[in-house]
Amino acid sequence: MDIVIRQAAPEEYEALGEITAQAYLQDGLLDFGESDAYLVELRDVAKRAAAAEVLVATADERVLGGVTFVPSGGSMADIAAPGEAEIRMLAVAREARGRGVGEALVRTCVDRARAVAGCERLVLSTQRTMHTAHRIYERLGFARTPERDWNPLPDLDDITLLTYQLTL
């Protein structure tokens, strides 16, 4: 399968939003399932594209997955500090998993981060149960940064996101 990674086109936003939402739902990553408020964010690709770079992975003109690359802070950054780019909302359609799509998206983000003037690190947050993603990050040289782990919903004690960084 020839995977092409490129900027998402507006006509792909809906498909990518649904792939992202379904990936999180099907993998049990949303504590409140279909009623989780984060689903709105996952589906709103246009909002992400207005504030960061949204990349899609395609094959045979079908969207297989995507990622949001935040080159230098702004409203889409969760943990990036000055001199850091960030990866957000990496998702691959269930039927495309195991074919290198996720790794290709992460590699593209690494290349983009290296091209950002003054960028020294690429950072990301991930859930504890995303073991396949963790393996990709570690294989590509990312290291855990437990001192940066954080909770996006401080009212709930059990939602701690793990963090990783790659020094460029």
N, C-alpha and C. Protein backbone atom coordinates (compact mmCIF):
# COMPACT_ATOMS: atom_id res chain seq x y z
N MET A 1 0.84 -1.17 0.00
CA MET A 1 0.00 0.00 0.00
C MET A 1 0.89 1.24 0.00
N ASP A 2 0.67 2.12 -0.96
CA ASP A 2 1.41 3.38 -1.03
C ASP A 2 0.68 4.43 -0.22
N ILE A 3 1.28 4.83 0.89
CA ILE A 3 0.68 5.83 1.77
C ILE A 3 1.22 7.20 1.40
N VAL A 4 0.32 8.15 1.22
CA VAL A 4 0.70 9.53 0.94
C VAL A 4 0.29 10.36 2.15
N ILE A 5 1.22 11.15 2.67
CA ILE A 5 0.93 12.06 3.78
C ILE A 5 0.97 13.47 3.22
N ARG A 6 -0.10 14.21 3.48
CA ARG A 6 -0.18 15.58 2.96
C ARG A 6 -1.14 16.39 3.82
N GLN A 7 -1.18 17.68 3.55
CA GLN A 7 -2.12 18.58 4.22
C GLN A 7 -3.54 18.12 3.90
N ALA A 8 -4.40 18.11 4.91
CA ALA A 8 -5.80 17.73 4.71
C ALA A 8 -6.52 18.81 3.90
N ALA A 9 -7.35 18.37 2.98
CA ALA A 9 -8.18 19.29 2.20
C ALA A 9 -9.51 19.47 2.91
N PRO A 10 -10.13 20.64 2.79
CA PRO A 10 -11.41 20.88 3.48
C PRO A 10 -12.46 19.81 3.22
N GLU A 11 -12.48 19.26 2.02
CA GLU A 11 -13.48 18.23 1.72
C GLU A 11 -13.19 16.90 2.43
N GLU A 12 -12.03 16.79 3.07
CA GLU A 12 -11.67 15.59 3.83
C GLU A 12 -11.90 15.75 5.34
N TYR A 13 -12.22 16.95 5.77
CA TYR A 13 -12.35 17.23 7.20
C TYR A 13 -13.39 16.33 7.86
N GLU A 14 -14.54 16.18 7.25
CA GLU A 14 -15.59 15.38 7.87
C GLU A 14 -15.15 13.92 8.03
N ALA A 15 -14.56 13.36 6.97
CA ALA A 15 -14.10 11.97 7.03
C ALA A 15 -13.02 11.80 8.10
N LEU A 16 -12.06 12.72 8.15
CA LEU A 16 -10.99 12.62 9.15
C LEU A 16 -11.55 12.80 10.55
N GLY A 17 -12.48 13.71 10.72
CA GLY A 17 -13.09 13.91 12.03
C GLY A 17 -13.78 12.65 12.52
N GLU A 18 -14.45 11.97 11.61
CA GLU A 18 -15.15 10.74 12.01
C GLU A 18 -14.17 9.61 12.29
N ILE A 19 -13.11 9.50 11.49
CA ILE A 19 -12.07 8.50 11.76
C ILE A 19 -11.47 8.73 13.14
N THR A 20 -11.18 9.99 13.46
CA THR A 20 -10.58 10.32 14.75
C THR A 20 -11.54 10.00 15.89
N ALA A 21 -12.79 10.43 15.76
CA ALA A 21 -13.78 10.16 16.80
C ALA A 21 -13.97 8.66 17.00
N GLN A 22 -14.09 7.92 15.91
CA GLN A 22 -14.32 6.48 16.02
C GLN A 22 -13.11 5.76 16.60
N ALA A 23 -11.91 6.21 16.27
CA ALA A 23 -10.71 5.59 16.84
C ALA A 23 -10.72 5.73 18.36
N TYR A 24 -11.03 6.91 18.85
CA TYR A 24 -11.07 7.14 20.29
C TYR A 24 -12.21 6.36 20.94
N LEU A 25 -13.38 6.34 20.29
CA LEU A 25 -14.52 5.61 20.84
C LEU A 25 -14.27 4.10 20.86
N GLN A 26 -13.86 3.55 19.72
CA GLN A 26 -13.68 2.10 19.60
C GLN A 26 -12.55 1.57 20.48
N ASP A 27 -11.58 2.41 20.75
CA ASP A 27 -10.47 1.98 21.60
C ASP A 27 -10.73 2.27 23.08
N GLY A 28 -11.92 2.76 23.39
CA GLY A 28 -12.27 3.01 24.78
C GLY A 28 -11.48 4.13 25.43
N LEU A 29 -11.12 5.14 24.65
CA LEU A 29 -10.27 6.22 25.15
C LEU A 29 -11.04 7.41 25.70
N LEU A 30 -12.36 7.36 25.59
CA LEU A 30 -13.19 8.45 26.09
C LEU A 30 -13.96 7.96 27.31
N ASP A 31 -13.69 8.57 28.44
CA ASP A 31 -14.30 8.12 29.69
C ASP A 31 -15.82 8.16 29.67
N PHE A 32 -16.39 9.05 28.87
CA PHE A 32 -17.84 9.21 28.86
C PHE A 32 -18.47 8.73 27.56
N GLY A 33 -17.72 7.92 26.79
CA GLY A 33 -18.26 7.32 25.56
C GLY A 33 -18.87 8.35 24.63
N GLU A 34 -20.02 8.01 24.06
CA GLU A 34 -20.69 8.88 23.08
C GLU A 34 -21.07 10.24 23.66
N SER A 35 -21.16 10.35 24.98
CA SER A 35 -21.54 11.64 25.57
C SER A 35 -20.32 12.46 25.98
N ASP A 36 -19.13 12.00 25.66
CA ASP A 36 -17.90 12.71 26.03
C ASP A 36 -17.80 14.01 25.24
N ALA A 37 -17.59 15.10 25.94
CA ALA A 37 -17.48 16.42 25.30
C ALA A 37 -16.30 16.50 24.34
N TYR A 38 -15.27 15.68 24.56
CA TYR A 38 -14.08 15.72 23.70
C TYR A 38 -14.39 15.25 22.28
N LEU A 39 -15.48 14.52 22.09
CA LEU A 39 -15.86 14.08 20.74
C LEU A 39 -16.06 15.27 19.81
N VAL A 40 -16.59 16.35 20.32
CA VAL A 40 -16.79 17.56 19.51
C VAL A 40 -15.44 18.05 18.99
N GLU A 41 -14.44 18.06 19.86
CA GLU A 41 -13.10 18.50 19.46
C GLU A 41 -12.49 17.54 18.43
N LEU A 42 -12.66 16.26 18.66
CA LEU A 42 -12.08 15.26 17.75
C LEU A 42 -12.67 15.38 16.35
N ARG A 43 -13.94 15.70 16.27
CA ARG A 43 -14.62 15.80 14.97
C ARG A 43 -14.40 17.14 14.28
N ASP A 44 -13.98 18.16 15.02
CA ASP A 44 -13.87 19.51 14.47
C ASP A 44 -12.51 19.74 13.81
N VAL A 45 -12.32 19.12 12.67
CA VAL A 45 -11.05 19.23 11.94
C VAL A 45 -10.85 20.65 11.42
N ALA A 46 -11.92 21.32 11.01
CA ALA A 46 -11.80 22.70 10.50
C ALA A 46 -11.21 23.61 11.58
N LYS A 47 -11.63 23.45 12.81
CA LYS A 47 -11.09 24.26 13.91
C LYS A 47 -9.60 24.00 14.08
N ARG A 48 -9.22 22.72 14.02
CA ARG A 48 -7.79 22.39 14.15
C ARG A 48 -6.99 22.97 12.99
N ALA A 49 -7.54 22.85 11.78
CA ALA A 49 -6.83 23.32 10.59
C ALA A 49 -6.66 24.84 10.59
N ALA A 50 -7.54 25.55 11.28
CA ALA A 50 -7.42 27.01 11.36
C ALA A 50 -6.31 27.43 12.31
N ALA A 51 -5.90 26.55 13.22
CA ALA A 51 -4.93 26.91 14.25
C ALA A 51 -3.62 26.14 14.16
N ALA A 52 -3.58 25.10 13.32
CA ALA A 52 -2.39 24.24 13.23
C ALA A 52 -2.40 23.56 11.86
N GLU A 53 -1.50 22.61 11.68
CA GLU A 53 -1.45 21.85 10.42
C GLU A 53 -2.13 20.50 10.64
N VAL A 54 -3.12 20.21 9.83
CA VAL A 54 -3.77 18.91 9.90
C VAL A 54 -3.29 18.11 8.70
N LEU A 55 -2.70 16.96 8.99
CA LEU A 55 -2.15 16.09 7.96
C LEU A 55 -3.03 14.85 7.83
N VAL A 56 -3.18 14.36 6.61
CA VAL A 56 -3.90 13.12 6.38
C VAL A 56 -2.98 12.11 5.74
N ALA A 57 -3.27 10.85 6.05
CA ALA A 57 -2.62 9.73 5.37
C ALA A 57 -3.68 9.18 4.41
N THR A 58 -3.30 9.04 3.14
CA THR A 58 -4.23 8.51 2.16
C THR A 58 -3.57 7.39 1.38
N ALA A 59 -4.41 6.55 0.82
CA ALA A 59 -3.98 5.52 -0.12
C ALA A 59 -5.14 5.34 -1.08
N ASP A 60 -4.84 5.30 -2.35
CA ASP A 60 -5.89 5.18 -3.36
C ASP A 60 -6.98 6.23 -3.14
N GLU A 61 -6.55 7.43 -2.77
CA GLU A 61 -7.44 8.58 -2.56
C GLU A 61 -8.45 8.38 -1.42
N ARG A 62 -8.18 7.42 -0.52
CA ARG A 62 -9.01 7.20 0.67
C ARG A 62 -8.27 7.70 1.89
N VAL A 63 -8.97 8.43 2.75
CA VAL A 63 -8.37 8.90 3.99
C VAL A 63 -8.27 7.72 4.96
N LEU A 64 -7.05 7.46 5.44
CA LEU A 64 -6.79 6.34 6.35
C LEU A 64 -6.57 6.80 7.78
N GLY A 65 -6.21 8.05 7.94
CA GLY A 65 -5.93 8.57 9.27
C GLY A 65 -5.40 9.97 9.18
N GLY A 66 -5.05 10.52 10.32
CA GLY A 66 -4.53 11.88 10.33
C GLY A 66 -3.92 12.24 11.66
N VAL A 67 -3.36 13.43 11.69
CA VAL A 67 -2.71 13.96 12.88
C VAL A 67 -2.73 15.48 12.80
N THR A 68 -2.72 16.10 13.95
CA THR A 68 -2.58 17.56 14.01
C THR A 68 -1.16 17.86 14.45
N PHE A 69 -0.46 18.66 13.65
CA PHE A 69 0.90 19.08 13.95
C PHE A 69 0.85 20.55 14.34
N VAL A 70 1.29 20.84 15.55
CA VAL A 70 1.30 22.21 16.07
C VAL A 70 2.75 22.68 16.06
N PRO A 71 3.12 23.52 15.08
CA PRO A 71 4.53 23.87 14.92
C PRO A 71 5.09 24.80 15.99
N SER A 72 4.26 25.64 16.59
CA SER A 72 4.82 26.58 17.56
C SER A 72 3.75 27.20 18.45
N GLY A 73 3.23 26.42 19.35
CA GLY A 73 2.27 26.94 20.32
C GLY A 73 0.93 27.29 19.72
N GLY A 74 0.26 28.22 20.35
CA GLY A 74 -1.06 28.63 19.89
C GLY A 74 -2.16 27.85 20.57
N SER A 75 -3.37 28.05 20.11
CA SER A 75 -4.54 27.48 20.78
C SER A 75 -4.60 25.96 20.71
N MET A 76 -3.92 25.34 19.79
CA MET A 76 -3.95 23.88 19.68
C MET A 76 -2.88 23.19 20.52
N ALA A 77 -1.98 23.94 21.09
CA ALA A 77 -0.92 23.33 21.90
C ALA A 77 -1.44 23.01 23.30
N ASP A 78 -1.19 21.80 23.74
CA ASP A 78 -1.53 21.41 25.11
C ASP A 78 -0.33 21.58 26.04
N ILE A 79 0.84 21.11 25.59
CA ILE A 79 2.00 21.08 26.49
C ILE A 79 3.24 21.74 25.91
N ALA A 80 3.22 22.12 24.64
CA ALA A 80 4.43 22.66 24.00
C ALA A 80 4.85 23.98 24.65
N ALA A 81 6.13 24.05 24.96
CA ALA A 81 6.75 25.26 25.49
C ALA A 81 7.48 25.95 24.32
N PRO A 82 7.99 27.15 24.53
CA PRO A 82 8.79 27.78 23.47
C PRO A 82 9.90 26.84 23.00
N GLY A 83 10.10 26.76 21.70
CA GLY A 83 11.12 25.89 21.13
C GLY A 83 10.64 24.46 20.93
N GLU A 84 9.32 24.23 21.11
CA GLU A 84 8.77 22.89 20.94
C GLU A 84 7.59 22.89 19.98
N ALA A 85 7.50 21.85 19.18
CA ALA A 85 6.33 21.58 18.35
C ALA A 85 5.58 20.44 19.03
N GLU A 86 4.32 20.24 18.66
CA GLU A 86 3.51 19.23 19.34
C GLU A 86 2.69 18.42 18.35
N ILE A 87 2.52 17.15 18.68
CA ILE A 87 1.65 16.23 17.92
C ILE A 87 0.37 16.08 18.72
N ARG A 88 -0.78 16.18 18.04
CA ARG A 88 -2.07 16.00 18.69
C ARG A 88 -2.97 15.12 17.84
N MET A 89 -3.85 14.41 18.48
CA MET A 89 -4.97 13.71 17.86
C MET A 89 -4.57 12.77 16.72
N LEU A 90 -3.55 12.00 16.91
CA LEU A 90 -3.15 10.98 15.94
C LEU A 90 -4.21 9.88 15.93
N ALA A 91 -4.71 9.55 14.75
CA ALA A 91 -5.73 8.50 14.66
C ALA A 91 -5.63 7.80 13.31
N VAL A 92 -5.84 6.49 13.33
CA VAL A 92 -5.83 5.67 12.12
C VAL A 92 -7.11 4.84 12.11
N ALA A 93 -7.76 4.79 10.95
CA ALA A 93 -8.97 3.99 10.81
C ALA A 93 -8.65 2.54 11.15
N ARG A 94 -9.58 1.89 11.80
CA ARG A 94 -9.38 0.51 12.26
C ARG A 94 -8.91 -0.40 11.11
N GLU A 95 -9.52 -0.28 9.95
CA GLU A 95 -9.18 -1.17 8.83
C GLU A 95 -7.80 -0.89 8.23
N ALA A 96 -7.19 0.25 8.60
CA ALA A 96 -5.87 0.60 8.07
C ALA A 96 -4.75 0.37 9.08
N ARG A 97 -5.09 -0.09 10.26
CA ARG A 97 -4.07 -0.27 11.30
C ARG A 97 -3.15 -1.45 10.97
N GLY A 98 -1.92 -1.33 11.47
CA GLY A 98 -0.94 -2.39 11.26
C GLY A 98 -0.26 -2.31 9.91
N ARG A 99 -0.46 -1.23 9.19
CA ARG A 99 0.11 -1.07 7.84
C ARG A 99 1.12 0.07 7.76
N GLY A 100 1.50 0.63 8.91
CA GLY A 100 2.50 1.69 8.92
C GLY A 100 1.95 3.09 8.79
N VAL A 101 0.63 3.25 8.82
CA VAL A 101 0.02 4.57 8.66
C VAL A 101 0.38 5.48 9.83
N GLY A 102 0.20 5.00 11.06
CA GLY A 102 0.52 5.81 12.23
C GLY A 102 1.98 6.23 12.26
N GLU A 103 2.85 5.28 11.97
CA GLU A 103 4.28 5.61 11.97
C GLU A 103 4.62 6.63 10.88
N ALA A 104 4.01 6.50 9.71
CA ALA A 104 4.25 7.46 8.63
C ALA A 104 3.80 8.87 9.04
N LEU A 105 2.67 8.96 9.73
CA LEU A 105 2.20 10.26 10.20
C LEU A 105 3.16 10.86 11.23
N VAL A 106 3.64 10.05 12.16
CA VAL A 106 4.58 10.54 13.18
C VAL A 106 5.89 10.96 12.52
N ARG A 107 6.40 10.16 11.60
CA ARG A 107 7.66 10.51 10.91
C ARG A 107 7.52 11.85 10.17
N THR A 108 6.37 12.07 9.57
CA THR A 108 6.14 13.34 8.88
C THR A 108 6.16 14.50 9.86
N CYS A 109 5.57 14.31 11.03
CA CYS A 109 5.61 15.35 12.06
C CYS A 109 7.04 15.62 12.52
N VAL A 110 7.83 14.57 12.66
CA VAL A 110 9.24 14.74 13.04
C VAL A 110 9.96 15.57 11.98
N ASP A 111 9.76 15.24 10.71
CA ASP A 111 10.39 16.00 9.63
C ASP A 111 9.95 17.45 9.64
N ARG A 112 8.67 17.68 9.86
CA ARG A 112 8.15 19.06 9.90
C ARG A 112 8.74 19.82 11.09
N ALA A 113 8.84 19.17 12.24
CA ALA A 113 9.40 19.83 13.42
C ALA A 113 10.85 20.22 13.17
N ARG A 114 11.59 19.34 12.51
CA ARG A 114 12.99 19.65 12.20
C ARG A 114 13.13 20.84 11.26
N ALA A 115 12.10 21.11 10.48
CA ALA A 115 12.13 22.23 9.53
C ALA A 115 11.66 23.55 10.15
N VAL A 116 11.15 23.51 11.38
CA VAL A 116 10.68 24.72 12.05
C VAL A 116 11.88 25.42 12.69
N ALA A 117 12.13 26.65 12.30
CA ALA A 117 13.24 27.41 12.85
C ALA A 117 13.12 27.51 14.37
N GLY A 118 14.20 27.18 15.07
CA GLY A 118 14.24 27.29 16.51
C GLY A 118 13.57 26.16 17.27
N CYS A 119 13.05 25.19 16.56
CA CYS A 119 12.39 24.06 17.24
C CYS A 119 13.44 23.07 17.70
N GLU A 120 13.44 22.80 19.00
CA GLU A 120 14.43 21.90 19.59
C GLU A 120 13.87 20.55 19.97
N ARG A 121 12.53 20.49 20.18
CA ARG A 121 11.89 19.25 20.62
C ARG A 121 10.51 19.12 20.00
N LEU A 122 10.08 17.87 19.86
CA LEU A 122 8.72 17.54 19.45
C LEU A 122 8.10 16.81 20.64
N VAL A 123 6.95 17.27 21.10
CA VAL A 123 6.32 16.72 22.30
C VAL A 123 4.93 16.20 21.97
N LEU A 124 4.42 15.34 22.87
CA LEU A 124 3.06 14.83 22.70
C LEU A 124 2.55 14.28 24.01
N SER A 125 1.24 14.16 24.08
CA SER A 125 0.56 13.52 25.21
C SER A 125 -0.15 12.29 24.68
N THR A 126 -0.24 11.27 25.51
CA THR A 126 -0.89 10.03 25.11
C THR A 126 -1.55 9.39 26.32
N GLN A 127 -2.52 8.57 26.07
CA GLN A 127 -3.17 7.88 27.17
C GLN A 127 -2.39 6.61 27.53
N ARG A 128 -2.54 6.19 28.75
CA ARG A 128 -1.82 5.02 29.26
C ARG A 128 -2.06 3.76 28.43
N THR A 129 -3.27 3.62 27.90
CA THR A 129 -3.64 2.39 27.20
C THR A 129 -3.25 2.38 25.72
N MET A 130 -2.66 3.43 25.21
CA MET A 130 -2.29 3.50 23.79
C MET A 130 -0.95 2.82 23.54
N HIS A 131 -0.87 1.55 23.85
CA HIS A 131 0.40 0.82 23.80
C HIS A 131 1.01 0.76 22.40
N THR A 132 0.20 0.62 21.38
CA THR A 132 0.74 0.58 20.01
C THR A 132 1.39 1.92 19.68
N ALA A 133 0.73 3.01 20.04
CA ALA A 133 1.31 4.34 19.80
C ALA A 133 2.61 4.51 20.58
N HIS A 134 2.63 4.06 21.82
CA HIS A 134 3.86 4.17 22.63
C HIS A 134 5.02 3.46 21.94
N ARG A 135 4.74 2.28 21.38
CA ARG A 135 5.81 1.54 20.68
C ARG A 135 6.33 2.33 19.47
N ILE A 136 5.43 2.96 18.74
CA ILE A 136 5.86 3.78 17.60
C ILE A 136 6.75 4.92 18.09
N TYR A 137 6.30 5.64 19.11
CA TYR A 137 7.08 6.78 19.60
C TYR A 137 8.46 6.33 20.06
N GLU A 138 8.51 5.26 20.82
CA GLU A 138 9.80 4.80 21.33
C GLU A 138 10.71 4.30 20.21
N ARG A 139 10.14 3.63 19.22
CA ARG A 139 10.93 3.16 18.08
C ARG A 139 11.54 4.34 17.32
N LEU A 140 10.84 5.47 17.31
CA LEU A 140 11.33 6.64 16.57
C LEU A 140 12.20 7.56 17.43
N GLY A 141 12.49 7.13 18.66
CA GLY A 141 13.44 7.87 19.49
C GLY A 141 12.82 8.80 20.52
N PHE A 142 11.51 8.82 20.64
CA PHE A 142 10.88 9.63 21.68
C PHE A 142 11.19 9.00 23.04
N ALA A 143 11.29 9.86 24.05
CA ALA A 143 11.53 9.40 25.43
C ALA A 143 10.40 9.89 26.32
N ARG A 144 10.05 9.07 27.28
CA ARG A 144 9.02 9.47 28.26
C ARG A 144 9.52 10.65 29.08
N THR A 145 8.61 11.56 29.39
CA THR A 145 8.91 12.70 30.25
C THR A 145 7.86 12.75 31.37
N PRO A 146 7.97 11.84 32.33
CA PRO A 146 6.94 11.74 33.37
C PRO A 146 6.74 13.03 34.17
N GLU A 147 7.77 13.85 34.24
CA GLU A 147 7.64 15.11 34.98
C GLU A 147 6.65 16.06 34.30
N ARG A 148 6.30 15.78 33.05
CA ARG A 148 5.35 16.63 32.32
C ARG A 148 3.96 16.00 32.22
N ASP A 149 3.78 14.79 32.74
CA ASP A 149 2.46 14.15 32.69
C ASP A 149 1.44 15.11 33.29
N TRP A 150 0.21 15.06 32.77
CA TRP A 150 -0.79 16.04 33.21
C TRP A 150 -2.20 15.48 33.09
N ASN A 151 -3.12 16.17 33.72
CA ASN A 151 -4.51 15.76 33.73
C ASN A 151 -5.36 16.84 33.07
N PRO A 152 -5.99 16.54 31.92
CA PRO A 152 -6.81 17.55 31.24
C PRO A 152 -8.13 17.84 31.98
N LEU A 153 -8.53 16.95 32.87
CA LEU A 153 -9.75 17.13 33.67
C LEU A 153 -9.40 16.99 35.14
N PRO A 154 -8.86 18.03 35.75
CA PRO A 154 -8.37 17.94 37.13
C PRO A 154 -9.43 17.45 38.13
N ASP A 155 -10.71 17.59 37.81
CA ASP A 155 -11.75 17.12 38.72
C ASP A 155 -11.82 15.60 38.79
N LEU A 156 -11.22 14.93 37.78
CA LEU A 156 -11.23 13.47 37.75
C LEU A 156 -9.80 12.98 37.96
N ASP A 157 -9.58 12.24 39.01
CA ASP A 157 -8.22 11.82 39.38
C ASP A 157 -7.59 10.80 38.44
N ASP A 158 -8.39 10.05 37.69
CA ASP A 158 -7.85 8.92 36.94
C ASP A 158 -7.54 9.21 35.47
N ILE A 159 -7.46 10.48 35.09
CA ILE A 159 -7.20 10.80 33.69
C ILE A 159 -5.86 11.52 33.57
N THR A 160 -4.80 10.80 33.75
CA THR A 160 -3.47 11.39 33.60
C THR A 160 -2.92 11.01 32.24
N LEU A 161 -2.52 12.01 31.47
CA LEU A 161 -1.91 11.77 30.17
C LEU A 161 -0.40 11.65 30.34
N LEU A 162 0.16 10.65 29.66
CA LEU A 162 1.60 10.46 29.65
C LEU A 162 2.19 11.35 28.58
N THR A 163 3.41 11.80 28.79
CA THR A 163 4.05 12.68 27.81
C THR A 163 5.37 12.05 27.31
N TYR A 164 5.67 12.42 26.08
CA TYR A 164 6.90 12.00 25.41
C TYR A 164 7.51 13.22 24.75
N GLN A 165 8.82 13.15 24.52
CA GLN A 165 9.48 14.19 23.72
C GLN A 165 10.59 13.55 22.89
N LEU A 166 10.83 14.19 21.77
CA LEU A 166 11.94 13.83 20.91
C LEU A 166 12.81 15.06 20.78
N THR A 167 14.06 14.94 21.17
CA THR A 167 15.00 16.03 20.99
C THR A 167 15.48 16.00 19.56
N LEU A 168 15.36 17.14 18.88
CA LEU A 168 15.68 17.20 17.45
C LEU A 168 17.14 17.54 17.20
